[in-house]
Amino acid sequence: MKESSYFSKNLMNKQVLFSAIFTAYKNLLWPLVGIGLPIVIFGLNGSIFEKAFFFIVITIVLFIPYLVLCFLVHKLSLKSKDDLEKFYSLDPKERGKVIGDELSGWW
């Protein structure tokens, strides 16, 4: 019997993926709003629509590598078979929250 990989078990499960996306975005949004929003509002010349578009683009550009890094760091943190069993014993939404919170303490 072939074991599926970490990424196929988590990326192909919609509940895990959406929960990880929501949690990671929530964790990344605070620094973006606290630091990036004043820079966009007071540092750029342009209409409000241009500023909003720029902020959304910057958010997406920063979020995608952040989410990928959350998955990679969490995968590397599961070193033993026992760690994997504990992780997979969680329900899918909890697994997504664990993955999305992986880098939250690094700020």
N, C-alpha and C. Protein backbone atom coordinates (compact mmCIF):
# COMPACT_ATOMS: atom_id res chain seq x y z
N MET A 1 0.84 -1.18 0.00
CA MET A 1 0.00 0.00 0.00
C MET A 1 0.89 1.24 0.00
N LYS A 2 0.64 2.14 -0.91
CA LYS A 2 1.47 3.34 -1.03
C LYS A 2 0.91 4.45 -0.14
N GLU A 3 1.81 5.05 0.62
CA GLU A 3 1.43 6.18 1.47
C GLU A 3 1.39 7.44 0.62
N SER A 4 0.38 8.28 0.82
CA SER A 4 0.37 9.54 0.11
C SER A 4 1.28 10.53 0.82
N SER A 5 1.73 11.51 0.09
CA SER A 5 2.67 12.46 0.65
C SER A 5 1.96 13.50 1.51
N TYR A 6 2.77 14.21 2.26
CA TYR A 6 2.28 15.27 3.13
C TYR A 6 1.51 16.31 2.32
N PHE A 7 2.07 16.71 1.19
CA PHE A 7 1.46 17.77 0.40
C PHE A 7 0.15 17.31 -0.25
N SER A 8 0.10 16.07 -0.70
CA SER A 8 -1.16 15.61 -1.31
C SER A 8 -2.25 15.44 -0.25
N LYS A 9 -1.88 15.06 0.96
CA LYS A 9 -2.89 14.91 2.01
C LYS A 9 -3.43 16.26 2.48
N ASN A 10 -2.62 17.29 2.40
CA ASN A 10 -3.04 18.59 2.92
C ASN A 10 -3.48 19.57 1.84
N LEU A 11 -2.81 19.58 0.71
CA LEU A 11 -3.19 20.51 -0.35
C LEU A 11 -4.42 20.05 -1.11
N MET A 12 -4.64 18.76 -1.18
CA MET A 12 -5.81 18.25 -1.89
C MET A 12 -7.07 18.23 -1.03
N ASN A 13 -6.91 18.41 0.27
CA ASN A 13 -8.06 18.46 1.17
C ASN A 13 -8.51 19.92 1.26
N LYS A 14 -9.71 20.21 0.79
CA LYS A 14 -10.18 21.59 0.73
C LYS A 14 -10.30 22.22 2.11
N GLN A 15 -10.73 21.46 3.11
CA GLN A 15 -10.88 22.02 4.46
C GLN A 15 -9.53 22.42 5.03
N VAL A 16 -8.52 21.57 4.86
CA VAL A 16 -7.18 21.90 5.35
C VAL A 16 -6.64 23.11 4.61
N LEU A 17 -6.76 23.11 3.31
CA LEU A 17 -6.21 24.19 2.50
C LEU A 17 -6.87 25.53 2.82
N PHE A 18 -8.20 25.57 2.85
CA PHE A 18 -8.89 26.83 3.12
C PHE A 18 -8.65 27.31 4.55
N SER A 19 -8.58 26.41 5.49
CA SER A 19 -8.30 26.80 6.87
C SER A 19 -6.88 27.34 6.99
N ALA A 20 -5.93 26.72 6.31
CA ALA A 20 -4.55 27.22 6.32
C ALA A 20 -4.45 28.58 5.64
N ILE A 21 -5.15 28.75 4.53
CA ILE A 21 -5.14 30.04 3.83
C ILE A 21 -5.73 31.13 4.72
N PHE A 22 -6.87 30.86 5.34
CA PHE A 22 -7.51 31.86 6.19
C PHE A 22 -6.63 32.22 7.38
N THR A 23 -6.06 31.22 8.05
CA THR A 23 -5.23 31.48 9.23
C THR A 23 -3.94 32.22 8.85
N ALA A 24 -3.30 31.80 7.77
CA ALA A 24 -2.06 32.47 7.35
C ALA A 24 -2.34 33.90 6.91
N TYR A 25 -3.44 34.12 6.20
CA TYR A 25 -3.78 35.47 5.76
C TYR A 25 -4.08 36.37 6.96
N LYS A 26 -4.78 35.82 7.94
CA LYS A 26 -5.09 36.59 9.15
C LYS A 26 -3.80 36.97 9.87
N ASN A 27 -2.84 36.07 9.93
CA ASN A 27 -1.57 36.36 10.60
C ASN A 27 -0.73 37.36 9.82
N LEU A 28 -0.80 37.33 8.51
CA LEU A 28 -0.02 38.24 7.68
C LEU A 28 -0.68 39.60 7.54
N LEU A 29 -1.98 39.66 7.72
CA LEU A 29 -2.71 40.91 7.51
C LEU A 29 -2.34 41.98 8.53
N TRP A 30 -2.09 41.59 9.77
CA TRP A 30 -1.76 42.59 10.80
C TRP A 30 -0.51 43.39 10.47
N PRO A 31 0.62 42.75 10.11
CA PRO A 31 1.78 43.57 9.72
C PRO A 31 1.53 44.38 8.45
N LEU A 32 0.78 43.81 7.52
CA LEU A 32 0.48 44.56 6.29
C LEU A 32 -0.33 45.80 6.58
N VAL A 33 -1.34 45.68 7.42
CA VAL A 33 -2.18 46.83 7.74
C VAL A 33 -1.41 47.83 8.59
N GLY A 34 -0.64 47.34 9.54
CA GLY A 34 0.09 48.24 10.45
C GLY A 34 1.24 48.97 9.80
N ILE A 35 1.92 48.31 8.89
CA ILE A 35 3.10 48.91 8.27
C ILE A 35 2.80 49.36 6.84
N GLY A 36 2.19 48.49 6.06
CA GLY A 36 2.01 48.76 4.64
C GLY A 36 0.94 49.75 4.30
N LEU A 37 -0.16 49.74 5.03
CA LEU A 37 -1.26 50.64 4.70
C LEU A 37 -0.88 52.11 4.86
N PRO A 38 -0.23 52.52 5.96
CA PRO A 38 0.19 53.93 6.03
C PRO A 38 1.18 54.32 4.93
N ILE A 39 2.04 53.39 4.55
CA ILE A 39 2.98 53.69 3.46
C ILE A 39 2.22 53.91 2.16
N VAL A 40 1.24 53.06 1.91
CA VAL A 40 0.46 53.19 0.67
C VAL A 40 -0.37 54.47 0.69
N ILE A 41 -1.01 54.77 1.81
CA ILE A 41 -1.89 55.94 1.87
C ILE A 41 -1.11 57.24 1.81
N PHE A 42 -0.04 57.35 2.59
CA PHE A 42 0.68 58.62 2.69
C PHE A 42 1.90 58.71 1.78
N GLY A 43 2.37 57.59 1.26
CA GLY A 43 3.60 57.62 0.48
C GLY A 43 3.41 57.60 -1.02
N LEU A 44 2.23 57.29 -1.48
CA LEU A 44 1.99 57.20 -2.92
C LEU A 44 1.11 58.34 -3.39
N ASN A 45 1.41 58.82 -4.57
CA ASN A 45 0.53 59.79 -5.21
C ASN A 45 -0.36 59.03 -6.18
N GLY A 46 -1.63 59.28 -6.11
CA GLY A 46 -2.57 58.60 -7.00
C GLY A 46 -3.95 58.62 -6.39
N SER A 47 -4.88 58.11 -7.15
CA SER A 47 -6.26 58.06 -6.67
C SER A 47 -6.41 56.95 -5.63
N ILE A 48 -7.54 56.95 -4.96
CA ILE A 48 -7.80 55.93 -3.95
C ILE A 48 -7.87 54.54 -4.58
N PHE A 49 -8.35 54.46 -5.82
CA PHE A 49 -8.43 53.17 -6.51
C PHE A 49 -7.03 52.64 -6.84
N GLU A 50 -6.13 53.52 -7.24
CA GLU A 50 -4.75 53.10 -7.52
C GLU A 50 -4.07 52.62 -6.25
N LYS A 51 -4.30 53.32 -5.15
CA LYS A 51 -3.71 52.92 -3.87
C LYS A 51 -4.27 51.58 -3.40
N ALA A 52 -5.58 51.39 -3.54
CA ALA A 52 -6.21 50.13 -3.14
C ALA A 52 -5.70 48.98 -4.02
N PHE A 53 -5.59 49.21 -5.32
CA PHE A 53 -5.08 48.19 -6.23
C PHE A 53 -3.64 47.83 -5.87
N PHE A 54 -2.82 48.83 -5.59
CA PHE A 54 -1.43 48.58 -5.22
C PHE A 54 -1.35 47.78 -3.92
N PHE A 55 -2.17 48.11 -2.93
CA PHE A 55 -2.17 47.39 -1.66
C PHE A 55 -2.61 45.93 -1.87
N ILE A 56 -3.61 45.70 -2.69
CA ILE A 56 -4.08 44.33 -2.94
C ILE A 56 -3.00 43.52 -3.66
N VAL A 57 -2.34 44.12 -4.63
CA VAL A 57 -1.28 43.42 -5.35
C VAL A 57 -0.13 43.08 -4.41
N ILE A 58 0.29 44.03 -3.58
CA ILE A 58 1.37 43.77 -2.63
C ILE A 58 0.96 42.68 -1.64
N THR A 59 -0.28 42.69 -1.21
CA THR A 59 -0.77 41.66 -0.29
C THR A 59 -0.68 40.27 -0.93
N ILE A 60 -1.10 40.15 -2.17
CA ILE A 60 -1.06 38.86 -2.85
C ILE A 60 0.38 38.42 -3.09
N VAL A 61 1.23 39.36 -3.50
CA VAL A 61 2.63 39.04 -3.77
C VAL A 61 3.34 38.56 -2.50
N LEU A 62 3.01 39.12 -1.36
CA LEU A 62 3.63 38.68 -0.11
C LEU A 62 2.97 37.44 0.47
N PHE A 63 1.68 37.26 0.21
CA PHE A 63 0.95 36.16 0.82
C PHE A 63 1.31 34.80 0.23
N ILE A 64 1.48 34.72 -1.07
CA ILE A 64 1.74 33.43 -1.71
C ILE A 64 3.04 32.80 -1.21
N PRO A 65 4.17 33.52 -1.18
CA PRO A 65 5.38 32.91 -0.61
C PRO A 65 5.24 32.60 0.88
N TYR A 66 4.49 33.44 1.61
CA TYR A 66 4.27 33.19 3.03
C TYR A 66 3.53 31.88 3.25
N LEU A 67 2.50 31.63 2.47
CA LEU A 67 1.73 30.39 2.60
C LEU A 67 2.58 29.18 2.23
N VAL A 68 3.34 29.28 1.15
CA VAL A 68 4.23 28.18 0.75
C VAL A 68 5.25 27.91 1.84
N LEU A 69 5.79 28.96 2.43
CA LEU A 69 6.76 28.80 3.51
C LEU A 69 6.12 28.17 4.74
N CYS A 70 4.87 28.49 5.03
CA CYS A 70 4.17 27.84 6.15
C CYS A 70 4.09 26.34 5.93
N PHE A 71 3.72 25.92 4.73
CA PHE A 71 3.64 24.49 4.43
C PHE A 71 5.01 23.83 4.53
N LEU A 72 6.05 24.47 3.97
CA LEU A 72 7.38 23.86 3.99
C LEU A 72 7.95 23.75 5.40
N VAL A 73 7.83 24.81 6.17
CA VAL A 73 8.37 24.79 7.53
C VAL A 73 7.61 23.77 8.38
N HIS A 74 6.30 23.70 8.20
CA HIS A 74 5.55 22.71 8.98
C HIS A 74 5.93 21.29 8.58
N LYS A 75 6.12 21.06 7.29
CA LYS A 75 6.55 19.73 6.83
C LYS A 75 7.88 19.36 7.45
N LEU A 76 8.81 20.31 7.49
CA LEU A 76 10.13 20.04 8.06
C LEU A 76 10.09 19.89 9.58
N SER A 77 9.06 20.44 10.22
CA SER A 77 8.98 20.33 11.68
C SER A 77 8.44 18.97 12.12
N LEU A 78 7.83 18.22 11.22
CA LEU A 78 7.33 16.88 11.55
C LEU A 78 8.46 15.88 11.32
N LYS A 79 9.26 15.66 12.36
CA LYS A 79 10.46 14.85 12.20
C LYS A 79 10.22 13.36 12.45
N SER A 80 9.37 13.03 13.39
CA SER A 80 9.20 11.62 13.74
C SER A 80 7.84 11.10 13.29
N LYS A 81 7.71 9.80 13.31
CA LYS A 81 6.44 9.16 12.96
C LYS A 81 5.37 9.55 13.97
N ASP A 82 5.77 9.73 15.22
CA ASP A 82 4.83 10.13 16.27
C ASP A 82 4.27 11.52 16.00
N ASP A 83 5.13 12.44 15.55
CA ASP A 83 4.66 13.79 15.20
C ASP A 83 3.64 13.74 14.06
N LEU A 84 3.91 12.90 13.07
CA LEU A 84 2.97 12.75 11.95
C LEU A 84 1.63 12.19 12.42
N GLU A 85 1.68 11.19 13.30
CA GLU A 85 0.44 10.59 13.79
C GLU A 85 -0.38 11.59 14.60
N LYS A 86 0.30 12.39 15.43
CA LYS A 86 -0.41 13.41 16.21
C LYS A 86 -1.05 14.45 15.28
N PHE A 87 -0.31 14.84 14.25
CA PHE A 87 -0.83 15.84 13.32
C PHE A 87 -2.03 15.30 12.54
N TYR A 88 -1.93 14.08 12.04
CA TYR A 88 -3.02 13.52 11.24
C TYR A 88 -4.21 13.07 12.09
N SER A 89 -4.04 13.02 13.41
CA SER A 89 -5.19 12.69 14.26
C SER A 89 -6.11 13.90 14.45
N LEU A 90 -5.63 15.09 14.11
CA LEU A 90 -6.46 16.30 14.20
C LEU A 90 -7.48 16.30 13.06
N ASP A 91 -8.58 17.01 13.29
CA ASP A 91 -9.55 17.14 12.21
C ASP A 91 -9.00 18.11 11.16
N PRO A 92 -9.53 18.10 9.94
CA PRO A 92 -8.95 18.90 8.86
C PRO A 92 -8.85 20.40 9.14
N LYS A 93 -9.85 20.98 9.79
CA LYS A 93 -9.78 22.42 10.07
C LYS A 93 -8.66 22.73 11.06
N GLU A 94 -8.47 21.87 12.05
CA GLU A 94 -7.39 22.07 13.02
C GLU A 94 -6.03 21.91 12.35
N ARG A 95 -5.91 20.96 11.43
CA ARG A 95 -4.64 20.80 10.71
C ARG A 95 -4.33 22.06 9.91
N GLY A 96 -5.34 22.65 9.29
CA GLY A 96 -5.12 23.90 8.55
C GLY A 96 -4.70 25.03 9.45
N LYS A 97 -5.30 25.11 10.64
CA LYS A 97 -4.91 26.16 11.59
C LYS A 97 -3.48 25.97 12.05
N VAL A 98 -3.08 24.72 12.29
CA VAL A 98 -1.70 24.45 12.72
C VAL A 98 -0.73 24.87 11.62
N ILE A 99 -1.04 24.55 10.39
CA ILE A 99 -0.16 24.91 9.27
C ILE A 99 -0.11 26.43 9.10
N GLY A 100 -1.26 27.10 9.15
CA GLY A 100 -1.30 28.55 8.97
C GLY A 100 -0.63 29.32 10.09
N ASP A 101 -0.60 28.73 11.29
CA ASP A 101 0.04 29.39 12.44
C ASP A 101 1.52 29.05 12.56
N GLU A 102 2.07 28.31 11.63
CA GLU A 102 3.45 27.83 11.75
C GLU A 102 4.45 28.97 11.88
N LEU A 103 4.27 30.05 11.16
CA LEU A 103 5.24 31.16 11.18
C LEU A 103 4.78 32.34 12.03
N SER A 104 3.68 32.20 12.75
CA SER A 104 3.13 33.36 13.46
C SER A 104 4.04 33.85 14.58
N GLY A 105 4.85 33.02 15.16
CA GLY A 105 5.74 33.45 16.23
C GLY A 105 7.06 34.00 15.75
N TRP A 106 7.27 34.04 14.46
CA TRP A 106 8.56 34.49 13.92
C TRP A 106 8.63 35.98 13.69
N TRP A 107 7.57 36.73 13.95
CA TRP A 107 7.59 38.17 13.70
C TRP A 107 8.39 38.83 14.77
